[in-house]
Amino acid sequence: MPLRHVLASRGDLGQLLNHGGGPVKGDMVTVCNTGSDPNWLATTGAGYRMICDLATSVLMAVDAQSQSGNPDSPHYGDQFAAWAGGEYHVLPLKREDVAAQTTEKLRLCSPIQTHVASP
């Protein structure tokens, strides 16, 4: 299954941004739902899977594309093998559990507001 970046159709960006991929299990009538082309090559599928047991304080998830849209990030393509193997990682819901797993923080600031005096 190919992993195509959202900008891959812009010129030659696909050569830089597309990544990973490989053989996958499943077809259109299985749990690992995968669509195929006339040559039986996987072309679509459920790239993000999540298990939600609301009786616990964690979720389990995996994303074939990974979470980063930045090809320079170490997390750009690091979940495909786990996704293909049916593995999941923990998404904690409690603040202290999140803090224990945090390795980086990105702070997003609101845009600068410009005030225009009315006439």
PDB file of N, CA and C in Angstrom:
ATOM      1  N   MET A   1       0.844  -1.166   0.000  1.00  0.00           N
ATOM      2  CA  MET A   1       0.000   0.000   0.000  1.00  0.00           C
ATOM      3  C   MET A   1       0.895   1.237   0.000  1.00  0.00           C
ATOM      4  N   PRO A   2       0.738   2.093  -0.980  1.00  0.00           N
ATOM      5  CA  PRO A   2       1.568   3.293  -1.028  1.00  0.00           C
ATOM      6  C   PRO A   2       1.101   4.316   0.010  1.00  0.00           C
ATOM      7  N   LEU A   3       2.030   5.090   0.538  1.00  0.00           N
ATOM      8  CA  LEU A   3       1.707   6.154   1.486  1.00  0.00           C
ATOM      9  C   LEU A   3       2.003   7.479   0.796  1.00  0.00           C
ATOM     10  N   ARG A   4       0.950   8.126   0.357  1.00  0.00           N
ATOM     11  CA  ARG A   4       1.103   9.359  -0.415  1.00  0.00           C
ATOM     12  C   ARG A   4       0.821  10.577   0.454  1.00  0.00           C
ATOM     13  N   HIS A   5       1.716  11.540   0.407  1.00  0.00           N
ATOM     14  CA  HIS A   5       1.549  12.800   1.123  1.00  0.00           C
ATOM     15  C   HIS A   5       0.462  13.621   0.424  1.00  0.00           C
ATOM     16  N   VAL A   6      -0.223  14.452   1.182  1.00  0.00           N
ATOM     17  CA  VAL A   6      -1.302  15.266   0.628  1.00  0.00           C
ATOM     18  C   VAL A   6      -0.805  16.207  -0.475  1.00  0.00           C
ATOM     19  N   LEU A   7       0.454  16.582  -0.474  1.00  0.00           N
ATOM     20  CA  LEU A   7       1.012  17.465  -1.499  1.00  0.00           C
ATOM     21  C   LEU A   7       1.726  16.708  -2.619  1.00  0.00           C
ATOM     22  N   ALA A   8       1.661  15.395  -2.627  1.00  0.00           N
ATOM     23  CA  ALA A   8       2.414  14.580  -3.583  1.00  0.00           C
ATOM     24  C   ALA A   8       2.029  14.840  -5.034  1.00  0.00           C
ATOM     25  N   SER A   9       0.840  15.325  -5.289  1.00  0.00           N
ATOM     26  CA  SER A   9       0.404  15.546  -6.666  1.00  0.00           C
ATOM     27  C   SER A   9       0.903  16.878  -7.228  1.00  0.00           C
ATOM     28  N   ARG A  10       1.608  17.663  -6.437  1.00  0.00           N
ATOM     29  CA  ARG A  10       2.141  18.962  -6.873  1.00  0.00           C
ATOM     30  C   ARG A  10       3.525  18.778  -7.488  1.00  0.00           C
ATOM     31  N   GLY A  11       3.575  18.722  -8.793  1.00  0.00           N
ATOM     32  CA  GLY A  11       4.864  18.578  -9.480  1.00  0.00           C
ATOM     33  C   GLY A  11       5.590  17.312  -9.071  1.00  0.00           C
ATOM     34  N   ASP A  12       6.866  17.458  -8.735  1.00  0.00           N
ATOM     35  CA  ASP A  12       7.704  16.315  -8.357  1.00  0.00           C
ATOM     36  C   ASP A  12       7.753  16.096  -6.850  1.00  0.00           C
ATOM     37  N   LEU A  13       6.875  16.737  -6.082  1.00  0.00           N
ATOM     38  CA  LEU A  13       6.919  16.596  -4.629  1.00  0.00           C
ATOM     39  C   LEU A  13       6.700  15.160  -4.160  1.00  0.00           C
ATOM     40  N   GLY A  14       5.988  14.365  -4.933  1.00  0.00           N
ATOM     41  CA  GLY A  14       5.758  12.976  -4.563  1.00  0.00           C
ATOM     42  C   GLY A  14       7.044  12.196  -4.364  1.00  0.00           C
ATOM     43  N   GLN A  15       8.072  12.516  -5.162  1.00  0.00           N
ATOM     44  CA  GLN A  15       9.352  11.828  -5.023  1.00  0.00           C
ATOM     45  C   GLN A  15       9.989  12.096  -3.665  1.00  0.00           C
ATOM     46  N   LEU A  16       9.741  13.271  -3.109  1.00  0.00           N
ATOM     47  CA  LEU A  16      10.302  13.635  -1.814  1.00  0.00           C
ATOM     48  C   LEU A  16       9.390  13.220  -0.659  1.00  0.00           C
ATOM     49  N   LEU A  17       8.078  13.387  -0.843  1.00  0.00           N
ATOM     50  CA  LEU A  17       7.148  13.259   0.271  1.00  0.00           C
ATOM     51  C   LEU A  17       6.502  11.893   0.443  1.00  0.00           C
ATOM     52  N   ASN A  18       6.333  11.122  -0.622  1.00  0.00           N
ATOM     53  CA  ASN A  18       5.733   9.796  -0.473  1.00  0.00           C
ATOM     54  C   ASN A  18       6.726   8.874   0.218  1.00  0.00           C
ATOM     55  N   HIS A  19       6.230   7.966   1.041  1.00  0.00           N
ATOM     56  CA  HIS A  19       7.141   7.120   1.809  1.00  0.00           C
ATOM     57  C   HIS A  19       6.484   5.800   2.165  1.00  0.00           C
ATOM     58  N   GLY A  20       7.330   4.918   2.681  1.00  0.00           N
ATOM     59  CA  GLY A  20       6.843   3.660   3.254  1.00  0.00           C
ATOM     60  C   GLY A  20       6.072   2.815   2.275  1.00  0.00           C
ATOM     61  N   GLY A  21       5.039   2.234   2.809  1.00  0.00           N
ATOM     62  CA  GLY A  21       4.224   1.357   2.012  1.00  0.00           C
ATOM     63  C   GLY A  21       4.794  -0.051   2.006  1.00  0.00           C
ATOM     64  N   GLY A  22       4.016  -0.950   1.502  1.00  0.00           N
ATOM     65  CA  GLY A  22       4.429  -2.333   1.428  1.00  0.00           C
ATOM     66  C   GLY A  22       3.215  -3.238   1.382  1.00  0.00           C
ATOM     67  N   PRO A  23       3.421  -4.529   1.396  1.00  0.00           N
ATOM     68  CA  PRO A  23       2.299  -5.467   1.350  1.00  0.00           C
ATOM     69  C   PRO A  23       1.403  -5.317   2.585  1.00  0.00           C
ATOM     70  N   VAL A  24       0.113  -5.463   2.382  1.00  0.00           N
ATOM     71  CA  VAL A  24      -0.851  -5.388   3.481  1.00  0.00           C
ATOM     72  C   VAL A  24      -1.829  -6.546   3.377  1.00  0.00           C
ATOM     73  N   LYS A  25      -2.432  -6.865   4.508  1.00  0.00           N
ATOM     74  CA  LYS A  25      -3.438  -7.919   4.547  1.00  0.00           C
ATOM     75  C   LYS A  25      -4.809  -7.315   4.281  1.00  0.00           C
ATOM     76  N   GLY A  26      -5.755  -8.153   3.950  1.00  0.00           N
ATOM     77  CA  GLY A  26      -7.136  -7.716   3.862  1.00  0.00           C
ATOM     78  C   GLY A  26      -7.602  -7.405   2.460  1.00  0.00           C
ATOM     79  N   ASP A  27      -8.931  -7.287   2.343  1.00  0.00           N
ATOM     80  CA  ASP A  27      -9.567  -6.869   1.099  1.00  0.00           C
ATOM     81  C   ASP A  27     -10.824  -6.087   1.473  1.00  0.00           C
ATOM     82  N   MET A  28     -11.724  -5.887   0.533  1.00  0.00           N
ATOM     83  CA  MET A  28     -12.887  -5.039   0.793  1.00  0.00           C
ATOM     84  C   MET A  28     -13.901  -5.647   1.762  1.00  0.00           C
ATOM     85  N   VAL A  29     -13.765  -6.918   2.127  1.00  0.00           N
ATOM     86  CA  VAL A  29     -14.742  -7.549   3.020  1.00  0.00           C
ATOM     87  C   VAL A  29     -14.117  -8.095   4.302  1.00  0.00           C
ATOM     88  N   THR A  30     -12.943  -7.582   4.676  1.00  0.00           N
ATOM     89  CA  THR A  30     -12.280  -8.051   5.884  1.00  0.00           C
ATOM     90  C   THR A  30     -12.117  -6.911   6.884  1.00  0.00           C
ATOM     91  N   VAL A  31     -11.726  -7.256   8.102  1.00  0.00           N
ATOM     92  CA  VAL A  31     -11.477  -6.245   9.125  1.00  0.00           C
ATOM     93  C   VAL A  31     -10.365  -5.303   8.682  1.00  0.00           C
ATOM     94  N   CYS A  32      -9.328  -5.819   8.079  1.00  0.00           N
ATOM     95  CA  CYS A  32      -8.249  -4.976   7.539  1.00  0.00           C
ATOM     96  C   CYS A  32      -8.666  -4.491   6.148  1.00  0.00           C
ATOM     97  N   ASN A  33      -9.742  -3.743   6.110  1.00  0.00           N
ATOM     98  CA  ASN A  33     -10.362  -3.309   4.865  1.00  0.00           C
ATOM     99  C   ASN A  33      -9.357  -2.592   3.965  1.00  0.00           C
ATOM    100  N   THR A  34      -9.149  -3.148   2.764  1.00  0.00           N
ATOM    101  CA  THR A  34      -8.194  -2.602   1.810  1.00  0.00           C
ATOM    102  C   THR A  34      -8.787  -2.679   0.415  1.00  0.00           C
ATOM    103  N   GLY A  35      -8.764  -1.557  -0.294  1.00  0.00           N
ATOM    104  CA  GLY A  35      -9.224  -1.542  -1.679  1.00  0.00           C
ATOM    105  C   GLY A  35      -8.051  -1.813  -2.603  1.00  0.00           C
ATOM    106  N   SER A  36      -8.342  -2.369  -3.769  1.00  0.00           N
ATOM    107  CA  SER A  36      -7.250  -2.702  -4.688  1.00  0.00           C
ATOM    108  C   SER A  36      -7.569  -2.244  -6.099  1.00  0.00           C
ATOM    109  N   ASP A  37      -6.513  -2.171  -6.902  1.00  0.00           N
ATOM    110  CA  ASP A  37      -6.670  -1.821  -8.314  1.00  0.00           C
ATOM    111  C   ASP A  37      -6.838  -3.114  -9.137  1.00  0.00           C
ATOM    112  N   PRO A  38      -6.977  -3.013 -10.454  1.00  0.00           N
ATOM    113  CA  PRO A  38      -7.162  -4.225 -11.269  1.00  0.00           C
ATOM    114  C   PRO A  38      -6.040  -5.250 -11.163  1.00  0.00           C
ATOM    115  N   ASN A  39      -4.844  -4.818 -10.738  1.00  0.00           N
ATOM    116  CA  ASN A  39      -3.715  -5.738 -10.581  1.00  0.00           C
ATOM    117  C   ASN A  39      -3.596  -6.266  -9.156  1.00  0.00           C
ATOM    118  N   TRP A  40      -4.601  -6.049  -8.336  1.00  0.00           N
ATOM    119  CA  TRP A  40      -4.659  -6.499  -6.944  1.00  0.00           C
ATOM    120  C   TRP A  40      -3.610  -5.836  -6.052  1.00  0.00           C
ATOM    121  N   LEU A  41      -3.176  -4.631  -6.436  1.00  0.00           N
ATOM    122  CA  LEU A  41      -2.276  -3.870  -5.587  1.00  0.00           C
ATOM    123  C   LEU A  41      -3.122  -2.996  -4.669  1.00  0.00           C
ATOM    124  N   ALA A  42      -2.798  -2.974  -3.402  1.00  0.00           N
ATOM    125  CA  ALA A  42      -3.564  -2.177  -2.442  1.00  0.00           C
ATOM    126  C   ALA A  42      -3.438  -0.699  -2.786  1.00  0.00           C
ATOM    127  N   THR A  43      -4.569  -0.023  -2.852  1.00  0.00           N
ATOM    128  CA  THR A  43      -4.564   1.401  -3.176  1.00  0.00           C
ATOM    129  C   THR A  43      -5.212   2.245  -2.077  1.00  0.00           C
ATOM    130  N   THR A  44      -6.059   1.652  -1.278  1.00  0.00           N
ATOM    131  CA  THR A  44      -6.721   2.376  -0.191  1.00  0.00           C
ATOM    132  C   THR A  44      -6.848   1.459   1.008  1.00  0.00           C
ATOM    133  N   GLY A  45      -7.078   2.063   2.149  1.00  0.00           N
ATOM    134  CA  GLY A  45      -7.276   1.263   3.353  1.00  0.00           C
ATOM    135  C   GLY A  45      -7.451   2.148   4.568  1.00  0.00           C
ATOM    136  N   ALA A  46      -7.787   1.539   5.679  1.00  0.00           N
ATOM    137  CA  ALA A  46      -7.967   2.266   6.930  1.00  0.00           C
ATOM    138  C   ALA A  46      -6.592   2.567   7.512  1.00  0.00           C
ATOM    139  N   GLY A  47      -6.056   3.726   7.205  1.00  0.00           N
ATOM    140  CA  GLY A  47      -4.709   4.074   7.630  1.00  0.00           C
ATOM    141  C   GLY A  47      -4.582   4.366   9.113  1.00  0.00           C
ATOM    142  N   TYR A  48      -5.678   4.796   9.742  1.00  0.00           N
ATOM    143  CA  TYR A  48      -5.642   5.100  11.176  1.00  0.00           C
ATOM    144  C   TYR A  48      -6.596   4.153  11.880  1.00  0.00           C
ATOM    145  N   ARG A  49      -6.084   3.456  12.878  1.00  0.00           N
ATOM    146  CA  ARG A  49      -6.934   2.541  13.656  1.00  0.00           C
ATOM    147  C   ARG A  49      -6.826   2.907  15.128  1.00  0.00           C
ATOM    148  N   MET A  50      -7.956   2.828  15.829  1.00  0.00           N
ATOM    149  CA  MET A  50      -7.985   3.160  17.253  1.00  0.00           C
ATOM    150  C   MET A  50      -8.906   2.193  17.989  1.00  0.00           C
ATOM    151  N   ILE A  51      -8.447   1.780  19.166  1.00  0.00           N
ATOM    152  CA  ILE A  51      -9.255   0.963  20.072  1.00  0.00           C
ATOM    153  C   ILE A  51      -9.617   1.844  21.260  1.00  0.00           C
ATOM    154  N   CYS A  52     -10.894   2.021  21.499  1.00  0.00           N
ATOM    155  CA  CYS A  52     -11.377   2.882  22.584  1.00  0.00           C
ATOM    156  C   CYS A  52     -12.121   2.040  23.609  1.00  0.00           C
ATOM    157  N   ASP A  53     -11.491   1.785  24.720  1.00  0.00           N
ATOM    158  CA  ASP A  53     -12.144   1.121  25.846  1.00  0.00           C
ATOM    159  C   ASP A  53     -12.369   2.205  26.890  1.00  0.00           C
ATOM    160  N   LEU A  54     -13.572   2.724  26.961  1.00  0.00           N
ATOM    161  CA  LEU A  54     -13.852   3.868  27.815  1.00  0.00           C
ATOM    162  C   LEU A  54     -13.868   3.516  29.292  1.00  0.00           C
ATOM    163  N   ALA A  55     -13.690   2.245  29.620  1.00  0.00           N
ATOM    164  CA  ALA A  55     -13.583   1.848  31.018  1.00  0.00           C
ATOM    165  C   ALA A  55     -12.158   2.053  31.535  1.00  0.00           C
ATOM    166  N   THR A  56     -11.237   2.409  30.649  1.00  0.00           N
ATOM    167  CA  THR A  56      -9.842   2.628  31.041  1.00  0.00           C
ATOM    168  C   THR A  56      -9.471   4.089  30.804  1.00  0.00           C
ATOM    169  N   SER A  57      -8.266   4.458  31.175  1.00  0.00           N
ATOM    170  CA  SER A  57      -7.802   5.833  30.978  1.00  0.00           C
ATOM    171  C   SER A  57      -6.804   5.932  29.829  1.00  0.00           C
ATOM    172  N   VAL A  58      -6.838   4.970  28.908  1.00  0.00           N
ATOM    173  CA  VAL A  58      -5.954   5.008  27.744  1.00  0.00           C
ATOM    174  C   VAL A  58      -6.726   4.598  26.491  1.00  0.00           C
ATOM    175  N   LEU A  59      -6.226   5.043  25.377  1.00  0.00           N
ATOM    176  CA  LEU A  59      -6.693   4.595  24.069  1.00  0.00           C
ATOM    177  C   LEU A  59      -5.520   3.893  23.409  1.00  0.00           C
ATOM    178  N   MET A  60      -5.783   3.046  22.448  1.00  0.00           N
ATOM    179  CA  MET A  60      -4.732   2.375  21.681  1.00  0.00           C
ATOM    180  C   MET A  60      -4.918   2.785  20.224  1.00  0.00           C
ATOM    181  N   ALA A  61      -3.835   3.223  19.570  1.00  0.00           N
ATOM    182  CA  ALA A  61      -3.958   3.696  18.197  1.00  0.00           C
ATOM    183  C   ALA A  61      -2.690   3.428  17.401  1.00  0.00           C
ATOM    184  N   VAL A  62      -2.841   3.487  16.095  1.00  0.00           N
ATOM    185  CA  VAL A  62      -1.705   3.396  15.174  1.00  0.00           C
ATOM    186  C   VAL A  62      -2.117   4.099  13.880  1.00  0.00           C
ATOM    187  N   ASP A  63      -1.154   4.765  13.252  1.00  0.00           N
ATOM    188  CA  ASP A  63      -1.408   5.532  12.042  1.00  0.00           C
ATOM    189  C   ASP A  63      -0.381   5.127  10.987  1.00  0.00           C
ATOM    190  N   ALA A  64      -0.835   4.523   9.904  1.00  0.00           N
ATOM    191  CA  ALA A  64       0.088   4.046   8.864  1.00  0.00           C
ATOM    192  C   ALA A  64       0.965   5.166   8.331  1.00  0.00           C
ATOM    193  N   GLN A  65       0.408   6.360   8.193  1.00  0.00           N
ATOM    194  CA  GLN A  65       1.169   7.492   7.678  1.00  0.00           C
ATOM    195  C   GLN A  65       2.038   8.130   8.747  1.00  0.00           C
ATOM    196  N   SER A  66       1.825   7.807  10.005  1.00  0.00           N
ATOM    197  CA  SER A  66       2.451   8.463  11.150  1.00  0.00           C
ATOM    198  C   SER A  66       1.847   9.843  11.321  1.00  0.00           C
ATOM    199  N   GLN A  67       2.240  10.547  12.358  1.00  0.00           N
ATOM    200  CA  GLN A  67       1.588  11.801  12.694  1.00  0.00           C
ATOM    201  C   GLN A  67       2.235  13.032  12.084  1.00  0.00           C
ATOM    202  N   SER A  68       3.426  12.928  11.583  1.00  0.00           N
ATOM    203  CA  SER A  68       4.112  14.111  11.084  1.00  0.00           C
ATOM    204  C   SER A  68       3.962  14.224   9.579  1.00  0.00           C
ATOM    205  N   GLY A  69       3.576  15.389   9.100  1.00  0.00           N
ATOM    206  CA  GLY A  69       3.550  15.656   7.668  1.00  0.00           C
ATOM    207  C   GLY A  69       4.861  16.250   7.197  1.00  0.00           C
ATOM    208  N   ASN A  70       5.859  16.275   8.081  1.00  0.00           N
ATOM    209  CA  ASN A  70       7.150  16.874   7.799  1.00  0.00           C
ATOM    210  C   ASN A  70       8.165  15.771   7.499  1.00  0.00           C
ATOM    211  N   PRO A  71       8.659  15.684   6.251  1.00  0.00           N
ATOM    212  CA  PRO A  71       9.597  14.605   5.918  1.00  0.00           C
ATOM    213  C   PRO A  71      10.923  14.701   6.660  1.00  0.00           C
ATOM    214  N   ASP A  72      11.198  15.814   7.320  1.00  0.00           N
ATOM    215  CA  ASP A  72      12.426  15.965   8.081  1.00  0.00           C
ATOM    216  C   ASP A  72      12.279  15.450   9.516  1.00  0.00           C
ATOM    217  N   SER A  73      11.062  15.078   9.903  1.00  0.00           N
ATOM    218  CA  SER A  73      10.804  14.604  11.261  1.00  0.00           C
ATOM    219  C   SER A  73      11.122  13.113  11.386  1.00  0.00           C
ATOM    220  N   PRO A  74      11.660  12.691  12.534  1.00  0.00           N
ATOM    221  CA  PRO A  74      11.885  11.252  12.735  1.00  0.00           C
ATOM    222  C   PRO A  74      10.563  10.485  12.834  1.00  0.00           C
ATOM    223  N   HIS A  75       9.459  11.189  12.979  1.00  0.00           N
ATOM    224  CA  HIS A  75       8.152  10.540  13.087  1.00  0.00           C
ATOM    225  C   HIS A  75       7.362  10.596  11.783  1.00  0.00           C
ATOM    226  N   TYR A  76       8.035  10.918  10.691  1.00  0.00           N
ATOM    227  CA  TYR A  76       7.364  11.036   9.397  1.00  0.00           C
ATOM    228  C   TYR A  76       6.838   9.695   8.898  1.00  0.00           C
ATOM    229  N   GLY A  77       7.545   8.628   9.134  1.00  0.00           N
ATOM    230  CA  GLY A  77       7.119   7.327   8.620  1.00  0.00           C
ATOM    231  C   GLY A  77       7.399   6.201   9.588  1.00  0.00           C
ATOM    232  N   ASP A  78       7.309   6.472  10.871  1.00  0.00           N
ATOM    233  CA  ASP A  78       7.758   5.486  11.852  1.00  0.00           C
ATOM    234  C   ASP A  78       6.686   4.536  12.362  1.00  0.00           C
ATOM    235  N   GLN A  79       5.458   4.592  11.842  1.00  0.00           N
ATOM    236  CA  GLN A  79       4.418   3.704  12.361  1.00  0.00           C
ATOM    237  C   GLN A  79       3.919   2.660  11.357  1.00  0.00           C
ATOM    238  N   PHE A  80       4.415   2.684  10.130  1.00  0.00           N
ATOM    239  CA  PHE A  80       3.884   1.751   9.132  1.00  0.00           C
ATOM    240  C   PHE A  80       4.110   0.292   9.516  1.00  0.00           C
ATOM    241  N   ALA A  81       5.296  -0.044   9.985  1.00  0.00           N
ATOM    242  CA  ALA A  81       5.578  -1.442  10.347  1.00  0.00           C
ATOM    243  C   ALA A  81       4.646  -1.910  11.462  1.00  0.00           C
ATOM    244  N   ALA A  82       4.430  -1.055  12.459  1.00  0.00           N
ATOM    245  CA  ALA A  82       3.510  -1.407  13.546  1.00  0.00           C
ATOM    246  C   ALA A  82       2.086  -1.545  13.008  1.00  0.00           C
ATOM    247  N   TRP A  83       1.683  -0.628  12.138  1.00  0.00           N
ATOM    248  CA  TRP A  83       0.339  -0.674  11.541  1.00  0.00           C
ATOM    249  C   TRP A  83       0.152  -1.983  10.757  1.00  0.00           C
ATOM    250  N   ALA A  84       1.117  -2.309   9.918  1.00  0.00           N
ATOM    251  CA  ALA A  84       1.023  -3.523   9.098  1.00  0.00           C
ATOM    252  C   ALA A  84       1.034  -4.780   9.963  1.00  0.00           C
ATOM    253  N   GLY A  85       1.717  -4.731  11.110  1.00  0.00           N
ATOM    254  CA  GLY A  85       1.789  -5.887  12.002  1.00  0.00           C
ATOM    255  C   GLY A  85       0.655  -5.967  13.013  1.00  0.00           C
ATOM    256  N   GLY A  86      -0.295  -5.031  12.945  1.00  0.00           N
ATOM    257  CA  GLY A  86      -1.429  -5.057  13.874  1.00  0.00           C
ATOM    258  C   GLY A  86      -1.078  -4.597  15.280  1.00  0.00           C
ATOM    259  N   GLU A  87      -0.003  -3.827  15.402  1.00  0.00           N
ATOM    260  CA  GLU A  87       0.411  -3.320  16.713  1.00  0.00           C
ATOM    261  C   GLU A  87      -0.189  -1.934  16.943  1.00  0.00           C
ATOM    262  N   TYR A  88      -0.283  -1.550  18.195  1.00  0.00           N
ATOM    263  CA  TYR A  88      -0.829  -0.244  18.574  1.00  0.00           C
ATOM    264  C   TYR A  88       0.075   0.392  19.612  1.00  0.00           C
ATOM    265  N   HIS A  89      -0.050   1.702  19.788  1.00  0.00           N
ATOM    266  CA  HIS A  89       0.644   2.381  20.876  1.00  0.00           C
ATOM    267  C   HIS A  89      -0.391   3.056  21.769  1.00  0.00           C
ATOM    268  N   VAL A  90       0.019   3.368  22.966  1.00  0.00           N
ATOM    269  CA  VAL A  90      -0.881   3.924  23.981  1.00  0.00           C
ATOM    270  C   VAL A  90      -1.045   5.429  23.781  1.00  0.00           C
ATOM    271  N   LEU A  91      -2.285   5.876  23.865  1.00  0.00           N
ATOM    272  CA  LEU A  91      -2.605   7.305  23.913  1.00  0.00           C
ATOM    273  C   LEU A  91      -3.237   7.560  25.276  1.00  0.00           C
ATOM    274  N   PRO A  92      -2.450   8.030  26.235  1.00  0.00           N
ATOM    275  CA  PRO A  92      -2.995   8.226  27.580  1.00  0.00           C
ATOM    276  C   PRO A  92      -3.983   9.388  27.624  1.00  0.00           C
ATOM    277  N   LEU A  93      -4.930   9.314  28.537  1.00  0.00           N
ATOM    278  CA  LEU A  93      -5.926  10.363  28.689  1.00  0.00           C
ATOM    279  C   LEU A  93      -5.697  11.218  29.931  1.00  0.00           C
ATOM    280  N   LYS A  94      -4.952  10.717  30.907  1.00  0.00           N
ATOM    281  CA  LYS A  94      -4.698  11.479  32.123  1.00  0.00           C
ATOM    282  C   LYS A  94      -3.486  12.381  31.913  1.00  0.00           C
ATOM    283  N   ARG A  95      -3.599  13.622  32.399  1.00  0.00           N
ATOM    284  CA  ARG A  95      -2.538  14.619  32.216  1.00  0.00           C
ATOM    285  C   ARG A  95      -1.184  14.113  32.706  1.00  0.00           C
ATOM    286  N   GLU A  96      -1.142  13.470  33.870  1.00  0.00           N
ATOM    287  CA  GLU A  96       0.140  13.007  34.405  1.00  0.00           C
ATOM    288  C   GLU A  96       0.736  11.883  33.552  1.00  0.00           C
ATOM    289  N   ASP A  97      -0.104  11.055  32.959  1.00  0.00           N
ATOM    290  CA  ASP A  97       0.389   9.998  32.077  1.00  0.00           C
ATOM    291  C   ASP A  97       0.921  10.579  30.765  1.00  0.00           C
ATOM    292  N   VAL A  98       0.258  11.617  30.272  1.00  0.00           N
ATOM    293  CA  VAL A  98       0.735  12.303  29.068  1.00  0.00           C
ATOM    294  C   VAL A  98       2.098  12.932  29.355  1.00  0.00           C
ATOM    295  N   ALA A  99       2.219  13.613  30.496  1.00  0.00           N
ATOM    296  CA  ALA A  99       3.478  14.262  30.862  1.00  0.00           C
ATOM    297  C   ALA A  99       4.617  13.250  30.966  1.00  0.00           C
ATOM    298  N   ALA A 100       4.334  12.060  31.453  1.00  0.00           N
ATOM    299  CA  ALA A 100       5.368  11.037  31.600  1.00  0.00           C
ATOM    300  C   ALA A 100       5.891  10.553  30.248  1.00  0.00           C
ATOM    301  N   GLN A 101       5.063  10.637  29.203  1.00  0.00           N
ATOM    302  CA  GLN A 101       5.470  10.178  27.873  1.00  0.00           C
ATOM    303  C   GLN A 101       5.958  11.297  26.959  1.00  0.00           C
ATOM    304  N   THR A 102       5.796  12.534  27.370  1.00  0.00           N
ATOM    305  CA  THR A 102       6.128  13.672  26.514  1.00  0.00           C
ATOM    306  C   THR A 102       7.637  13.777  26.304  1.00  0.00           C
ATOM    307  N   THR A 103       8.047  13.893  25.043  1.00  0.00           N
ATOM    308  CA  THR A 103       9.458  14.067  24.717  1.00  0.00           C
ATOM    309  C   THR A 103       9.723  15.443  24.119  1.00  0.00           C
ATOM    310  N   GLU A 104       8.710  16.077  23.558  1.00  0.00           N
ATOM    311  CA  GLU A 104       8.839  17.406  22.963  1.00  0.00           C
ATOM    312  C   GLU A 104       7.545  18.160  23.179  1.00  0.00           C
ATOM    313  N   LYS A 105       7.634  19.476  23.178  1.00  0.00           N
ATOM    314  CA  LYS A 105       6.452  20.326  23.236  1.00  0.00           C
ATOM    315  C   LYS A 105       6.550  21.370  22.137  1.00  0.00           C
ATOM    316  N   LEU A 106       5.433  21.640  21.508  1.00  0.00           N
ATOM    317  CA  LEU A 106       5.340  22.672  20.495  1.00  0.00           C
ATOM    318  C   LEU A 106       4.260  23.639  20.953  1.00  0.00           C
ATOM    319  N   ARG A 107       4.643  24.866  21.190  1.00  0.00           N
ATOM    320  CA  ARG A 107       3.674  25.851  21.650  1.00  0.00           C
ATOM    321  C   ARG A 107       3.228  26.684  20.464  1.00  0.00           C
ATOM    322  N   LEU A 108       1.941  26.699  20.240  1.00  0.00           N
ATOM    323  CA  LEU A 108       1.369  27.484  19.159  1.00  0.00           C
ATOM    324  C   LEU A 108       0.828  28.775  19.746  1.00  0.00           C
ATOM    325  N   CYS A 109       1.262  29.885  19.204  1.00  0.00           N
ATOM    326  CA  CYS A 109       0.828  31.188  19.698  1.00  0.00           C
ATOM    327  C   CYS A 109      -0.249  31.740  18.774  1.00  0.00           C
ATOM    328  N   SER A 110      -1.124  32.539  19.330  1.00  0.00           N
ATOM    329  CA  SER A 110      -2.161  33.154  18.507  1.00  0.00           C
ATOM    330  C   SER A 110      -1.516  34.212  17.620  1.00  0.00           C
ATOM    331  N   PRO A 111      -2.109  34.469  16.451  1.00  0.00           N
ATOM    332  CA  PRO A 111      -1.536  35.463  15.537  1.00  0.00           C
ATOM    333  C   PRO A 111      -1.590  36.863  16.160  1.00  0.00           C
ATOM    334  N   ILE A 112      -0.675  37.703  15.718  1.00  0.00           N
ATOM    335  CA  ILE A 112      -0.660  39.080  16.196  1.00  0.00           C
ATOM    336  C   ILE A 112      -1.909  39.781  15.684  1.00  0.00           C
ATOM    337  N   GLN A 113      -2.591  40.429  16.566  1.00  0.00           N
ATOM    338  CA  GLN A 113      -3.814  41.123  16.175  1.00  0.00           C
ATOM    339  C   GLN A 113      -3.493  42.591  15.882  1.00  0.00           C
ATOM    340  N   THR A 114      -3.964  43.054  14.763  1.00  0.00           N
ATOM    341  CA  THR A 114      -3.781  44.442  14.372  1.00  0.00           C
ATOM    342  C   THR A 114      -5.102  45.171  14.555  1.00  0.00           C
ATOM    343  N   HIS A 115      -5.076  46.262  15.270  1.00  0.00           N
ATOM    344  CA  HIS A 115      -6.283  47.045  15.483  1.00  0.00           C
ATOM    345  C   HIS A 115      -6.270  48.244  14.546  1.00  0.00           C
ATOM    346  N   VAL A 116      -7.326  48.403  13.815  1.00  0.00           N
ATOM    347  CA  VAL A 116      -7.458  49.525  12.896  1.00  0.00           C
ATOM    348  C   VAL A 116      -8.489  50.478  13.493  1.00  0.00           C
ATOM    349  N   ALA A 117      -8.092  51.714  13.639  1.00  0.00           N
ATOM    350  CA  ALA A 117      -9.015  52.718  14.182  1.00  0.00           C
ATOM    351  C   ALA A 117     -10.116  52.981  13.192  1.00  0.00           C
ATOM    352  N   SER A 118     -11.328  53.005  13.664  1.00  0.00           N
ATOM    353  CA  SER A 118     -12.457  53.289  12.760  1.00  0.00           C
ATOM    354  C   SER A 118     -12.587  54.798  12.562  1.00  0.00           C
ATOM    355  N   PRO A 119     -13.023  55.216  11.373  1.00  0.00           N
ATOM    356  CA  PRO A 119     -13.111  56.645  11.058  1.00  0.00           C
ATOM    357  C   PRO A 119     -14.143  57.379  11.894  1.00  0.00           C
TER     358      PRO A 119
END
